Amino acid sequence: MNPHNEPHDPTPDDARTHDAESRATHPDPTDSHTANSRADKPHSANPRPDETYDPPSPSLFCNTNTPLTDPANPTDPENPTDPAAAVDSAPASPSPPPPTEPQVTLRGPAELADALPYLLGFYPDDSIVMVALHGERTRFGGRLRLGIPTDPSHWPDVGDQLADCLISGARKRSDRLVGILVFLCQEPAPGETGQDVKERLRPLAQRLRTACGSLDVPVLEALCLSNGRFWSYCCPDYRCCPADGTPLFLPGTSVMAAAAAYAGMQVRGSLKEMDARLAPRTGPRGVDQEKALDEAASELLPRMLRPDGVGTVRRDTLELAAAMIHRFRRDTPSGSTRARDACDDALITDAEAATLILGLQDRATRDRAAEWMDGPDAAAALRLWRALARRCTGGYDEHAAAPLTLAGWVCWSTADGPSARVALSRALTADPDCVFAQLLHRAINEGLDPEPLRRCLRRQREEAEAETEAETASTGGEATTTGPGRTAQRPAAPPRPGNSARRRGPRGGSGPGPRTTGAPGNRRTGRDGDRSRR
């Protein structure tokens, strides 16, 4: 499915997105830990005996009707846990060694709902999430996420396509596909309750269940998550699934949260919060930035028409980007996400941002800028690309594709798959024909390793440096310091323009002002004490 051809607004994680076990995979921060599950059919009257599984890496087991597995006393798969089923005359079989990593059994819909953010790496907003379950031990497999279409008339087609996309991809695996988990996540509209959301989305849940059933794969559980509660579409028993819903676990209080913290899994806020970090400026500051872009564009064309104008613009853009990354590395903000983004916005002027945004529209320049993807420069480069994406305002919204693609590439290179998908999805929304964004998005969805591309960029950088050194030796001059990969030799950040007596902060004017980097109490704030970007 192409998110840009769907009848609803594209979302950062679309129907093409699910695990390496599906046609278009959806790896997440838990992929390195191989998040597994045991999720037999919920509300079963006769639970199966638990079985032991020794994973090669930290694993998360889910079984909605079996007790928690004790890692210190694993159960032999051949011997049932029911004492009545044991054979006294049979010799005790040797127990397998305890697993090297902890095992967590998720029991019931409440723990399944609590596990959802850890599967995706973020809290889904206005989303359909489907997870495939594989094998005899019902491991978590392929997963996909799509924004809930606002028009209910689109739900039948969307449900059929989602079921086909997930199941057809999951069946390519050798493991047996045993079922699907469905999650519908949406907050109530003004004047609505969570129960109203649940009833409004019931036709969508029913369509997803019938679509999966028509492909001979049952939906073992379908949950609606809204307003801090969850409802089951599969359980008619109001004793365990009351009409007013069941409260979700408090954040950080569940077994799943403890296991995720132990395994190093991260939840990067909600999807809306991640998307807001890349949204363009609005209001007077957006108008000022658009004027700066207009001025930079009018100056760029005459420069490009000069002899060797293209090469000069490329070098100047990379030199300015190197200086900006150097500046960002020297000033690392702290505090909330909004406060850090506001600090980053204050580190670059409107004119500097306009010059970089227009210069990065050149494909060769953008490819050279992609060399800042690892090492000490990666974090500063990511902050710069995000700040530039926020400066693509007004009629320059399509220009955001270049910095957004670079931001997605750095996120993927630094093992932040969820943030990479958000950035690349916005890049494809700004420019659906951006080939670099298309290739990166597909590579992430297919679970590819970014290291081969990193090696290619490192080799490209080394060749460029060798060429520069050869030219310098032939002319007898000194080596220059342009381009990525030369942190130690980069020039100091250019002086910040403007009247030094004028007070400026994260929310003031277009130019950055001096800031202290000491304790948070000594950091200068805006007029009302809020460092957040408006």
Protein backbone atom coordinates (compact mmCIF):
# COMPACT_ATOMS: atom_id res chain seq x y z
CA MET A 1 0.00 0.00 0.00
CA ASN A 2 1.27 3.46 -0.82
CA PRO A 3 0.45 5.95 1.90
CA HIS A 4 0.34 8.76 -0.60
CA ASN A 5 -2.38 7.13 -2.67
CA GLU A 6 -4.67 6.31 0.23
CA PRO A 7 -7.92 8.22 0.66
CA HIS A 8 -6.79 9.49 4.07
CA ASP A 9 -3.92 11.57 5.32
CA PRO A 10 -0.58 9.74 5.25
CA THR A 11 0.90 8.84 8.58
CA PRO A 12 4.48 8.22 9.65
CA ASP A 13 3.99 4.51 9.85
CA ASP A 14 1.75 3.28 7.10
CA ALA A 15 0.38 -0.01 5.90
CA ARG A 16 3.65 -0.84 4.24
CA THR A 17 5.26 -0.84 7.64
CA HIS A 18 5.69 -4.08 9.52
CA ASP A 19 8.36 -6.53 10.55
CA ALA A 20 10.98 -8.37 8.51
CA GLU A 21 8.58 -11.26 8.67
CA SER A 22 6.09 -9.33 6.50
CA ARG A 23 6.15 -7.96 2.99
CA ALA A 24 6.95 -4.51 4.33
CA THR A 25 8.45 -4.92 7.77
CA HIS A 26 8.17 -2.73 10.83
CA PRO A 27 11.31 -3.11 12.93
CA ASP A 28 11.33 -1.11 16.11
CA PRO A 29 13.74 -0.44 18.96
CA THR A 30 12.94 -3.87 20.36
CA ASP A 31 14.10 -5.67 17.22
CA SER A 32 17.56 -6.22 18.65
CA HIS A 33 15.91 -8.03 21.53
CA THR A 34 13.62 -10.17 19.37
CA ALA A 35 10.35 -9.37 21.08
CA ASN A 36 8.52 -12.69 21.25
CA SER A 37 5.13 -13.51 22.64
CA ARG A 38 2.86 -16.24 23.80
CA ALA A 39 -0.68 -15.12 22.99
CA ASP A 40 -3.04 -18.03 22.79
CA LYS A 41 -6.70 -17.40 22.17
CA PRO A 42 -7.91 -15.16 25.03
CA HIS A 43 -10.69 -16.07 27.41
CA SER A 44 -10.09 -19.77 26.79
CA ALA A 45 -11.70 -22.13 29.27
CA ASN A 46 -8.90 -24.73 29.06
CA PRO A 47 -5.47 -23.14 28.99
CA ARG A 48 -2.62 -25.20 27.58
CA PRO A 49 0.31 -26.16 29.80
CA ASP A 50 3.15 -23.70 29.64
CA GLU A 51 6.15 -24.53 27.52
CA THR A 52 9.74 -23.51 27.88
CA TYR A 53 11.53 -21.57 25.22
CA ASP A 54 15.17 -20.60 25.44
CA PRO A 55 15.63 -17.49 23.29
CA PRO A 56 19.01 -16.37 22.00
CA SER A 57 18.35 -12.81 23.22
CA PRO A 58 16.14 -10.98 25.74
CA SER A 59 12.60 -12.01 24.93
CA LEU A 60 9.10 -11.04 25.93
CA PHE A 61 6.58 -13.84 26.14
CA CYS A 62 2.86 -13.32 26.09
CA ASN A 63 0.22 -15.85 26.99
CA THR A 64 -3.22 -14.56 27.82
CA ASN A 65 -4.18 -17.65 29.76
CA THR A 66 -1.06 -19.29 31.20
CA PRO A 67 0.80 -18.43 34.39
CA LEU A 68 3.99 -16.44 34.49
CA THR A 69 7.01 -18.54 33.61
CA ASP A 70 9.60 -18.74 36.34
CA PRO A 71 13.02 -18.41 34.68
CA ALA A 72 14.68 -20.20 37.58
CA ASN A 73 12.42 -23.25 37.27
CA PRO A 74 11.54 -23.70 33.63
CA THR A 75 9.00 -26.32 32.74
CA ASP A 76 9.94 -29.18 30.48
CA PRO A 77 7.82 -29.00 27.30
CA GLU A 78 7.24 -32.73 27.37
CA ASN A 79 5.89 -32.71 30.95
CA PRO A 80 2.63 -30.86 31.68
CA THR A 81 2.47 -28.48 34.60
CA ASP A 82 -0.73 -30.09 35.87
CA PRO A 83 0.33 -32.48 38.71
CA ALA A 84 -2.58 -34.77 37.88
CA ALA A 85 -1.11 -35.41 34.45
CA ALA A 86 2.29 -36.51 35.75
CA VAL A 87 3.33 -40.16 35.49
CA ASP A 88 4.78 -41.35 38.79
CA SER A 89 6.58 -44.36 37.34
CA ALA A 90 8.33 -42.37 34.64
CA PRO A 91 11.83 -41.21 35.51
CA ALA A 92 12.21 -37.49 35.85
CA SER A 93 13.65 -36.04 32.71
CA PRO A 94 16.54 -33.66 33.19
CA SER A 95 15.44 -30.03 33.24
CA PRO A 96 16.94 -27.78 30.62
CA PRO A 97 19.33 -25.12 31.85
CA PRO A 98 17.70 -21.88 32.91
CA PRO A 99 17.53 -19.27 30.16
CA THR A 100 20.29 -16.70 30.19
CA GLU A 101 17.78 -13.86 29.83
CA PRO A 102 14.54 -13.19 31.73
CA GLN A 103 11.23 -14.34 30.36
CA VAL A 104 8.01 -12.40 30.84
CA THR A 105 4.58 -13.87 30.32
CA LEU A 106 1.87 -11.37 29.43
CA ARG A 107 -1.49 -12.57 30.69
CA GLY A 108 -4.75 -11.09 29.51
CA PRO A 109 -5.78 -8.12 27.39
CA ALA A 110 -4.53 -5.60 29.97
CA GLU A 111 -0.93 -6.72 29.62
CA LEU A 112 -1.26 -6.94 25.84
CA ALA A 113 -2.45 -3.33 25.75
CA ASP A 114 0.39 -2.31 28.04
CA ALA A 115 2.93 -4.00 25.74
CA LEU A 116 1.83 -2.11 22.62
CA PRO A 117 4.11 0.97 23.01
CA TYR A 118 7.11 -1.28 23.57
CA LEU A 119 6.39 -3.16 20.35
CA LEU A 120 6.30 0.04 18.30
CA GLY A 121 8.73 2.25 20.21
CA PHE A 122 6.10 4.98 20.72
CA TYR A 123 2.51 5.48 21.83
CA PRO A 124 0.32 5.23 18.70
CA ASP A 125 -2.22 7.98 18.16
CA ASP A 126 -5.30 7.59 15.94
CA SER A 127 -3.88 4.30 14.72
CA ILE A 128 -4.77 0.81 13.59
CA VAL A 129 -2.09 -1.60 14.81
CA MET A 130 -2.03 -5.25 13.79
CA VAL A 131 0.44 -7.83 15.09
CA ALA A 132 0.92 -11.35 13.71
CA LEU A 133 1.55 -14.31 16.02
CA HIS A 134 3.75 -17.16 14.80
CA GLY A 135 4.59 -20.73 15.66
CA GLU A 136 3.54 -23.08 18.41
CA ARG A 137 4.77 -20.63 21.03
CA THR A 138 2.93 -17.74 19.35
CA ARG A 139 5.81 -15.32 19.06
CA PHE A 140 5.18 -11.72 18.12
CA GLY A 141 5.96 -11.45 14.44
CA GLY A 142 5.02 -9.01 11.70
CA ARG A 143 3.31 -5.79 12.68
CA LEU A 144 1.90 -2.79 10.86
CA ARG A 145 0.41 0.58 11.75
CA LEU A 146 -1.89 2.86 9.80
CA GLY A 147 -3.76 6.00 10.71
CA ILE A 148 -7.48 5.48 11.20
CA PRO A 149 -9.28 6.88 8.12
CA THR A 150 -11.53 9.77 9.04
CA ASP A 151 -14.15 8.69 6.51
CA PRO A 152 -15.89 5.47 7.68
CA SER A 153 -16.78 4.63 4.07
CA HIS A 154 -13.09 3.82 3.53
CA TRP A 155 -12.94 1.32 6.38
CA PRO A 156 -13.98 -1.78 4.40
CA ASP A 157 -11.30 -1.32 1.74
CA VAL A 158 -8.66 -0.36 4.28
CA GLY A 159 -9.48 -3.38 6.46
CA ASP A 160 -9.23 -5.78 3.53
CA GLN A 161 -5.91 -4.32 2.38
CA LEU A 162 -4.39 -4.34 5.86
CA ALA A 163 -5.35 -7.96 6.45
CA ASP A 164 -3.98 -9.03 3.08
CA CYS A 165 -0.78 -7.01 3.54
CA LEU A 166 0.04 -8.45 6.95
CA ILE A 167 -1.04 -12.05 6.39
CA SER A 168 0.45 -12.49 2.92
CA GLY A 169 3.79 -11.19 4.15
CA ALA A 170 3.71 -13.23 7.36
CA ARG A 171 3.00 -16.44 5.45
CA LYS A 172 6.29 -16.09 3.66
CA ARG A 173 7.88 -17.14 6.91
CA SER A 174 8.45 -20.78 7.70
CA ASP A 175 6.78 -20.41 11.08
CA ARG A 176 3.09 -21.18 11.31
CA LEU A 177 0.86 -18.09 11.44
CA VAL A 178 -1.60 -18.77 14.24
CA GLY A 179 -3.47 -15.51 14.74
CA ILE A 180 -3.64 -11.74 14.70
CA LEU A 181 -3.88 -9.11 17.43
CA VAL A 182 -5.74 -5.90 16.55
CA PHE A 183 -5.44 -2.59 18.42
CA LEU A 184 -7.53 0.51 17.66
CA CYS A 185 -6.04 3.55 19.39
CA GLN A 186 -7.86 6.88 19.38
CA GLU A 187 -8.52 9.58 21.96
CA PRO A 188 -12.07 10.92 22.41
CA ALA A 189 -13.15 14.00 20.49
CA PRO A 190 -14.61 16.96 22.43
CA GLY A 191 -17.84 15.83 24.03
CA GLU A 192 -17.01 12.17 23.50
CA THR A 193 -16.11 9.44 25.98
CA GLY A 194 -13.85 6.45 25.59
CA GLN A 195 -16.88 4.19 25.40
CA ASP A 196 -18.24 6.35 22.55
CA VAL A 197 -14.96 5.86 20.69
CA LYS A 198 -15.18 2.13 21.22
CA GLU A 199 -18.70 1.95 19.77
CA ARG A 200 -17.86 4.26 16.89
CA LEU A 201 -14.88 2.10 15.89
CA ARG A 202 -16.72 -1.20 16.32
CA PRO A 203 -17.54 -1.52 12.55
CA LEU A 204 -13.84 -1.07 11.76
CA ALA A 205 -12.86 -3.75 14.28
CA GLN A 206 -15.49 -6.10 12.90
CA ARG A 207 -14.26 -5.54 9.34
CA LEU A 208 -10.69 -6.32 10.34
CA ARG A 209 -11.81 -9.50 12.09
CA THR A 210 -13.83 -10.73 9.11
CA ALA A 211 -11.07 -9.77 6.65
CA CYS A 212 -8.53 -11.84 8.60
CA GLY A 213 -11.01 -14.69 9.00
CA SER A 214 -11.63 -14.80 5.27
CA LEU A 215 -7.90 -15.48 4.88
CA ASP A 216 -8.13 -18.36 7.39
CA VAL A 217 -6.32 -16.49 10.15
CA PRO A 218 -8.34 -15.71 13.30
CA VAL A 219 -8.15 -12.47 15.25
CA LEU A 220 -7.37 -13.72 18.74
CA GLU A 221 -7.95 -10.36 20.39
CA ALA A 222 -9.18 -6.94 19.23
CA LEU A 223 -8.79 -4.06 21.67
CA CYS A 224 -9.85 -0.43 21.65
CA LEU A 225 -7.53 1.88 23.62
CA SER A 226 -8.93 5.29 24.49
CA ASN A 227 -8.78 7.78 27.34
CA GLY A 228 -6.59 5.59 29.55
CA ARG A 229 -8.86 2.54 29.26
CA PHE A 230 -9.27 -0.45 26.99
CA TRP A 231 -12.22 -2.49 25.71
CA SER A 232 -12.24 -5.93 24.11
CA TYR A 233 -14.26 -6.52 20.95
CA CYS A 234 -13.87 -10.28 21.37
CA CYS A 235 -15.04 -10.87 24.92
CA PRO A 236 -18.78 -10.63 25.65
CA ASP A 237 -18.36 -11.27 29.37
CA TYR A 238 -18.94 -8.03 31.25
CA ARG A 239 -17.48 -9.58 34.41
CA CYS A 240 -13.96 -9.38 32.98
CA CYS A 241 -14.57 -6.74 30.29
CA PRO A 242 -16.98 -4.16 31.77
CA ALA A 243 -18.95 -1.77 29.59
CA ASP A 244 -17.10 1.29 30.92
CA GLY A 245 -13.72 -0.26 30.08
CA THR A 246 -10.75 -1.40 32.11
CA PRO A 247 -8.07 1.10 33.24
CA LEU A 248 -4.65 0.70 31.69
CA PHE A 249 -1.62 0.18 33.88
CA LEU A 250 0.02 3.31 35.20
CA PRO A 251 3.18 4.04 33.17
CA GLY A 252 6.19 2.20 34.52
CA THR A 253 4.28 -0.01 36.97
CA SER A 254 3.74 -3.18 34.93
CA VAL A 255 5.87 -6.27 34.51
CA MET A 256 6.29 -5.30 30.88
CA ALA A 257 7.69 -1.90 31.82
CA ALA A 258 10.19 -3.48 34.18
CA ALA A 259 11.30 -6.01 31.56
CA ALA A 260 11.60 -3.28 28.92
CA ALA A 261 13.71 -1.13 31.22
CA TYR A 262 15.96 -4.11 31.95
CA ALA A 263 16.32 -4.85 28.24
CA GLY A 264 17.05 -1.22 27.36
CA MET A 265 13.88 -0.64 25.33
CA GLN A 266 12.71 2.93 24.92
CA VAL A 267 9.32 4.52 24.28
CA ARG A 268 9.84 7.85 22.54
CA GLY A 269 6.64 9.60 23.54
CA SER A 270 3.53 9.65 21.41
CA LEU A 271 3.40 9.69 17.65
CA LYS A 272 1.97 13.22 17.68
CA GLU A 273 4.84 14.46 19.84
CA MET A 274 7.42 12.94 17.51
CA ASP A 275 5.71 14.46 14.50
CA ALA A 276 5.44 17.91 16.13
CA ARG A 277 9.25 18.13 16.40
CA LEU A 278 9.43 18.31 12.60
CA ALA A 279 6.44 20.56 11.96
CA PRO A 280 7.19 23.91 10.25
CA ARG A 281 7.05 27.21 12.03
CA THR A 282 3.86 29.22 12.12
CA GLY A 283 2.93 32.75 13.06
CA PRO A 284 5.24 35.78 12.83
CA ARG A 285 8.40 33.70 13.10
CA GLY A 286 7.27 31.61 10.15
CA VAL A 287 6.66 34.79 8.13
CA ASP A 288 10.16 36.07 8.96
CA GLN A 289 11.71 32.78 7.89
CA GLU A 290 9.79 32.77 4.61
CA LYS A 291 11.09 36.29 3.85
CA ALA A 292 14.64 35.09 4.51
CA LEU A 293 14.09 32.18 2.13
CA ASP A 294 12.80 34.56 -0.55
CA GLU A 295 15.89 36.75 -0.19
CA ALA A 296 18.27 33.77 -0.27
CA ALA A 297 16.54 32.37 -3.35
CA SER A 298 16.86 35.68 -5.21
CA GLU A 299 20.60 35.75 -4.45
CA LEU A 300 21.19 32.09 -5.29
CA LEU A 301 20.23 32.17 -8.97
CA PRO A 302 22.85 34.77 -10.06
CA ARG A 303 25.50 32.83 -8.15
CA MET A 304 24.54 29.60 -9.91
CA LEU A 305 24.86 31.27 -13.33
CA ARG A 306 28.48 32.27 -12.80
CA PRO A 307 31.33 30.07 -14.07
CA ASP A 308 31.81 27.25 -11.61
CA GLY A 309 28.83 28.67 -9.72
CA VAL A 310 27.40 25.25 -8.91
CA GLY A 311 30.65 24.03 -7.38
CA THR A 312 31.03 27.24 -5.39
CA VAL A 313 27.51 26.98 -3.97
CA ARG A 314 28.12 23.35 -3.02
CA ARG A 315 31.33 24.18 -1.19
CA ASP A 316 29.79 27.16 0.57
CA THR A 317 26.80 25.09 1.68
CA LEU A 318 28.96 22.31 3.09
CA GLU A 319 31.25 24.81 4.82
CA LEU A 320 28.27 26.51 6.45
CA ALA A 321 26.77 23.13 7.45
CA ALA A 322 30.11 22.11 9.00
CA ALA A 323 30.25 25.37 10.94
CA MET A 324 26.65 24.90 12.14
CA ILE A 325 27.34 21.35 13.32
CA HIS A 326 30.41 22.62 15.13
CA ARG A 327 28.24 25.26 16.80
CA PHE A 328 25.59 22.71 17.77
CA ARG A 329 28.23 20.41 19.26
CA ARG A 330 29.55 23.20 21.44
CA ASP A 331 26.11 24.03 22.84
CA THR A 332 24.16 20.95 23.93
CA PRO A 333 20.81 21.90 25.51
CA SER A 334 19.01 20.06 28.26
CA GLY A 335 15.48 19.91 29.59
CA SER A 336 12.30 18.84 27.88
CA THR A 337 12.04 18.07 24.19
CA ARG A 338 10.38 21.40 23.47
CA ALA A 339 13.04 23.27 25.41
CA ARG A 340 15.86 21.51 23.54
CA ASP A 341 14.27 22.22 20.17
CA ALA A 342 13.80 25.87 21.14
CA CYS A 343 17.49 26.10 22.04
CA ASP A 344 18.44 24.56 18.69
CA ASP A 345 16.22 27.07 16.88
CA ALA A 346 18.05 29.88 18.65
CA LEU A 347 21.45 28.62 17.47
CA ILE A 348 20.83 29.33 13.79
CA THR A 349 19.62 32.55 12.19
CA ASP A 350 16.92 32.82 9.57
CA ALA A 351 19.50 33.76 6.94
CA GLU A 352 21.76 30.82 7.76
CA ALA A 353 18.81 28.43 7.74
CA ALA A 354 17.62 29.77 4.38
CA THR A 355 21.07 29.35 2.83
CA LEU A 356 21.34 25.75 4.03
CA ILE A 357 17.79 24.79 3.04
CA LEU A 358 18.27 26.03 -0.52
CA GLY A 359 21.79 24.59 -0.80
CA LEU A 360 20.60 21.13 0.29
CA GLN A 361 18.17 20.98 -2.62
CA ASP A 362 21.17 19.99 -4.75
CA ARG A 363 21.39 16.20 -4.71
CA ALA A 364 25.19 16.06 -4.64
CA THR A 365 25.32 18.47 -1.71
CA ARG A 366 22.69 16.48 0.17
CA ASP A 367 24.59 13.24 -0.43
CA ARG A 368 27.77 14.77 0.94
CA ALA A 369 25.86 16.04 3.97
CA ALA A 370 24.67 12.47 4.58
CA GLU A 371 28.24 11.61 5.57
CA TRP A 372 27.53 13.17 8.97
CA MET A 373 25.75 10.03 10.16
CA ASP A 374 27.88 8.52 12.94
CA GLY A 375 30.52 9.36 15.45
CA PRO A 376 30.51 12.59 17.47
CA ASP A 377 28.83 14.53 14.66
CA ALA A 378 25.67 12.42 14.42
CA ALA A 379 23.74 13.97 17.31
CA ALA A 380 24.58 17.53 16.31
CA ALA A 381 23.75 16.82 12.66
CA LEU A 382 20.36 15.37 13.62
CA ARG A 383 19.55 18.48 15.66
CA LEU A 384 20.54 20.68 12.71
CA TRP A 385 18.45 18.77 10.17
CA ARG A 386 15.42 18.90 12.48
CA ALA A 387 15.87 22.63 12.98
CA LEU A 388 16.09 23.16 9.21
CA ALA A 389 12.94 21.09 8.65
CA ARG A 390 11.08 23.38 11.05
CA ARG A 391 12.23 26.39 8.99
CA CYS A 392 10.63 25.19 5.73
CA THR A 393 7.55 27.37 6.06
CA GLY A 394 4.94 28.78 3.73
CA GLY A 395 5.61 28.11 0.08
CA TYR A 396 8.83 26.27 0.91
CA ASP A 397 7.20 23.23 2.49
CA GLU A 398 8.45 20.96 -0.32
CA HIS A 399 12.03 22.00 0.48
CA ALA A 400 11.70 20.15 3.79
CA ALA A 401 12.17 16.81 2.00
CA ALA A 402 15.98 17.19 2.00
CA PRO A 403 16.55 17.94 5.72
CA LEU A 404 13.82 15.48 6.72
CA THR A 405 15.47 12.72 4.68
CA LEU A 406 18.83 13.52 6.26
CA ALA A 407 17.21 13.44 9.71
CA GLY A 408 15.63 10.06 8.93
CA TRP A 409 18.95 8.72 7.70
CA VAL A 410 20.79 9.78 10.87
CA CYS A 411 18.04 8.29 13.05
CA TRP A 412 18.23 4.97 11.20
CA SER A 413 22.02 5.01 11.32
CA THR A 414 21.89 5.50 15.09
CA ALA A 415 19.33 2.69 15.64
CA ASP A 416 16.28 4.94 16.16
CA GLY A 417 13.88 3.27 13.74
CA PRO A 418 10.61 4.88 14.96
CA SER A 419 11.98 8.42 14.66
CA ALA A 420 13.44 7.55 11.25
CA ARG A 421 10.03 6.46 9.97
CA VAL A 422 8.38 9.64 11.20
CA ALA A 423 10.97 11.82 9.47
CA LEU A 424 10.94 9.83 6.22
CA SER A 425 7.17 9.76 6.11
CA ARG A 426 7.07 13.56 6.41
CA ALA A 427 9.74 13.75 3.70
CA LEU A 428 7.62 11.65 1.36
CA THR A 429 4.59 13.77 2.19
CA ALA A 430 6.53 16.91 1.26
CA ASP A 431 7.98 15.33 -1.90
CA PRO A 432 6.58 11.91 -2.91
CA ASP A 433 9.20 11.69 -5.69
CA CYS A 434 12.22 11.98 -3.37
CA VAL A 435 14.14 8.84 -4.35
CA PHE A 436 16.52 8.96 -1.39
CA ALA A 437 13.61 9.03 1.07
CA GLN A 438 11.84 6.22 -0.82
CA LEU A 439 14.91 3.99 -0.69
CA LEU A 440 15.58 4.64 2.99
CA HIS A 441 11.94 4.07 3.94
CA ARG A 442 11.85 0.76 2.08
CA ALA A 443 15.18 -0.33 3.56
CA ILE A 444 13.96 0.32 7.11
CA ASN A 445 10.68 -1.49 6.48
CA GLU A 446 12.52 -4.49 5.09
CA GLY A 447 14.77 -4.68 8.14
CA LEU A 448 18.02 -4.02 6.28
CA ASP A 449 21.27 -3.14 8.02
CA PRO A 450 22.43 0.47 7.47
CA GLU A 451 26.09 -0.47 7.84
CA PRO A 452 26.73 -1.16 4.09
CA LEU A 453 25.49 2.34 3.27
CA ARG A 454 27.58 3.80 6.05
CA ARG A 455 30.66 2.05 4.66
CA CYS A 456 29.89 3.45 1.22
CA LEU A 457 29.61 6.99 2.59
CA ARG A 458 32.81 6.59 4.60
CA ARG A 459 34.63 5.43 1.48
CA GLN A 460 33.18 8.38 -0.46
CA ARG A 461 34.44 10.74 2.23
CA GLU A 462 37.91 9.18 2.23
CA GLU A 463 38.13 9.46 -1.56
CA ALA A 464 37.10 13.11 -1.43
CA GLU A 465 39.69 13.82 1.26
CA ALA A 466 42.39 12.03 -0.73
CA GLU A 467 41.49 14.03 -3.82
CA THR A 468 41.64 17.26 -1.87
CA GLU A 469 45.03 16.38 -0.43
CA ALA A 470 46.36 15.53 -3.90
CA GLU A 471 45.16 18.85 -5.27
CA THR A 472 46.72 20.67 -2.34
CA ALA A 473 50.04 18.90 -2.82
CA SER A 474 50.08 19.76 -6.53
CA THR A 475 49.42 23.46 -5.88
CA GLY A 476 51.66 23.70 -2.83
CA GLY A 477 48.89 25.26 -0.74
CA GLU A 478 47.31 24.32 2.54
CA ALA A 479 44.56 21.76 2.91
CA THR A 480 41.03 23.07 3.23
CA THR A 481 38.51 21.91 5.78
CA THR A 482 35.27 21.75 3.83
CA GLY A 483 32.89 18.84 3.80
CA PRO A 484 31.86 16.26 6.35
CA GLY A 485 34.15 14.06 8.34
CA ARG A 486 36.76 16.61 9.43
CA THR A 487 35.66 17.57 12.87
CA ALA A 488 39.08 18.37 14.24
CA GLN A 489 39.94 20.77 11.40
CA ARG A 490 36.60 22.46 10.98
CA PRO A 491 36.61 26.24 11.35
CA ALA A 492 35.05 27.81 14.37
CA ALA A 493 31.43 28.76 14.12
CA PRO A 494 30.93 32.09 12.34
CA PRO A 495 30.12 35.10 14.51
CA ARG A 496 26.48 35.51 15.23
CA PRO A 497 25.14 38.54 13.37
CA GLY A 498 23.12 41.35 14.88
CA ASN A 499 23.45 43.93 17.61
CA SER A 500 25.12 42.31 20.59
CA ALA A 501 23.29 44.66 22.96
CA ARG A 502 19.93 43.39 21.81
CA ARG A 503 18.47 40.74 24.06
CA ARG A 504 17.54 37.63 22.16
CA GLY A 505 16.43 34.19 23.28
CA PRO A 506 14.91 31.04 21.88
CA ARG A 507 11.72 32.93 21.13
CA GLY A 508 13.17 36.30 20.19
CA GLY A 509 13.87 37.55 16.67
CA SER A 510 15.75 35.64 14.06
CA GLY A 511 19.22 35.65 15.50
CA PRO A 512 20.61 33.58 18.35
CA GLY A 513 21.94 35.28 21.44
CA PRO A 514 24.58 34.26 23.96
CA ARG A 515 23.52 31.60 26.43
CA THR A 516 25.11 30.10 29.46
CA THR A 517 25.50 26.36 29.60
CA GLY A 518 25.67 25.92 33.35
CA ALA A 519 22.97 24.75 35.71
CA PRO A 520 19.40 24.83 34.45
CA GLY A 521 18.60 27.63 36.88
CA ASN A 522 21.16 29.88 35.21
CA ARG A 523 19.87 29.38 31.68
CA ARG A 524 18.21 32.42 30.19
CA THR A 525 14.58 31.93 29.27
CA GLY A 526 11.99 33.74 27.24
CA ARG A 527 9.82 36.59 28.42
CA ASP A 528 7.50 34.31 30.37
CA GLY A 529 10.13 31.84 31.50
CA ASP A 530 9.14 29.26 28.90
CA ARG A 531 11.90 28.17 26.52
CA SER A 532 9.52 26.29 24.26
CA ARG A 533 9.14 27.16 20.59
CA ARG A 534 5.91 28.78 19.49
